[in-house]
Amino acid sequence: MPDIVIGSGPSGVAAAKALLARGRPVLMLDGGKVLEPEAEARRTALANDDPGTWGQAARDAWMEPQFAAAPGQVRRYGSDFAMEDGADTFANLPGWMGLRASRAAGGLSNLWGSAVLPYAQKDMVDWPISADDLAPHYRAVAGFLPVAGIPDEIETTLPAFPMEGRTGIEPSTQARELLARVDARRAVLSGMGVHAGPARQAVDTSCHLCGLCLHGCPFGFIWSARDTLADLRQDPGFTYRPGAVVTRIEEGPDRITLHLGDGTTVTGARAFLGAGVLETARILMASQPSLHELVLKDSQHAFLPMLHRWRNSTRPDRGPFHTLPQAFVEIDAPEVSPFLVHSQLYTWNEHFPRDLVENYARKVPGSAPLFTALARRLIVAQLFLHSDHSHRISLSLASDGRLQARLEANPAMERILTAAAGHMGRAMRKVGLLPLIFAARPGVPGSSFHVGASIPMSAEPKAGESDPLGRPLGWDRLHLIDASSLPAIPATTITFSVMANAHRIGTLAP
């Protein structure tokens, strides 16, 4: 019997890679939605031309579907294929809920921002595994996940994945100046517990710097689990079954049985559940009626806009450039948090002038050109907090099989977020940025998509927990491989560590 992997997102492909490396046959069950033919044709047509020949009309047409999307909906390639409508997942979709599910081939990696970092040991206190345990699996994952970046000071804070021998993609004109200023003031920043360097992205370094990253790379240079899925399908030990939505799971003494939405069943030796934290919660609660509620831990995020005081050497809104994170800033300051606070810095992108005009220029007639110009001086930090400082999301199963969500507010969140933004602002003043603290804006719960820890791993699991191989208490042949089994959600980027943990489980599972 094969091992069954549920879901083709980052955790699913990582576990499948590890299982196949052990010579074990793998059957992957997946929702399997793909980009519609018309959207794929638009992508191909754009990629067939050099970005330098694209006119503004072609760029605007590529970007417009994202600008027209409903609040909370993220589109790529002009399509909603990668994100489920919230009402399809939740019976009571609350206005505060930013998290969404995916049933696409590649899952939410079709939409992600590509930021890549390992976890720090200080953020894994009381976990049943260590950063050293994940280190060889970071390296294994980086064998099929491109990691663009260079060695820098951040490695002293996050050493589990060294960057030696790697190269990055070219930073924007604003980012080059910012990073030069960071280098010049590094001792001062370090004294504040602030460590910064160029961002690391899961991007092919042959990136054409076309500037359309946030709308779907026409050339496919931003990694998606779809890329690895295509490679897996060339392995004779791998079988892929799209359109197979798992509804519940049963375990026997010598096999595990999965019930599908079409009424059929599939049997395997073991199941590795990596359907994403919402779908995984739905399947698990349907499979274990005694499990009435699961609580997701969120990593709260917020946006801090800053204006740079220096004059741009060239117009930042004129290519070539990319619009992925340009720099990372890690705050290791006990007066702010006992955990790391992570920040990703973004320089000019097409959302900046639209947001400024929408939020400010409409209040002052005739000021749109001023705010459009001001957007070219804007750098935005996206800050993330550890889940211990963040709200939580309680999930239960509705009678129709969808999820019901309830917010468990963390009263300390706003205080710690304010402290983190203030510390970040003071540090960035040292390198020529003016933080607009009054304009800082927190994201709604779940909107960071850094969410999980609903069945946390424990060395001695109790009810509602899993063992170090992701097996919920009472199960032997079911392994949770997505973020559901993480003991907490550190502030640093989530996908790389989820993949490393899934690869570890796939490597060590009986």
Foldseek 3Di string as FASTA:
>chain_A
DAAEEEELALLRLLLVVLQVVVVGFYEYEAQAFDDDPVLLVLLQVVVVDALVPDDPVSVCVLPVLQVPDDPLQAAASSDSQQWDDPVVFAVCDDPLDNATFGRHNLHCLQQDLFFDAQFFQLLQPQAPDGLLLLLVLLVVSCVPQPKADAAFPCCVRGVSYGRPPHHHADAFLVLVLLQVLCVVCVVVCVVQQKGKDWTIGRFDNVDSLSACVNRHNSVCRHDTSNVSVVVQVVDPSYHYDHSWQFQEKDDDPQWIWTATPVGDIDIDRFYEYDRAASSVVLHHCSHPVVCFKFKKQFWWKKKWKKFFPDDRPDQRVDDRHYFRFTMKMWHCHVVLPVAIKIKTKTAAHPVQLVVCCVPPVVVPPPCSVVSNVRSSRMMMIMITAWSVLAKMWMWGADPVSHIHIDIGGRPNNVVSVLVVLVSVQVSSVSSGIHIPSVPMGIRRTCSVVLMACRAEAHCDDDQRHAHLLQHHPPDQRYHHQARNHHNIRHNRDGSSSSSSSSSSSSNPRD
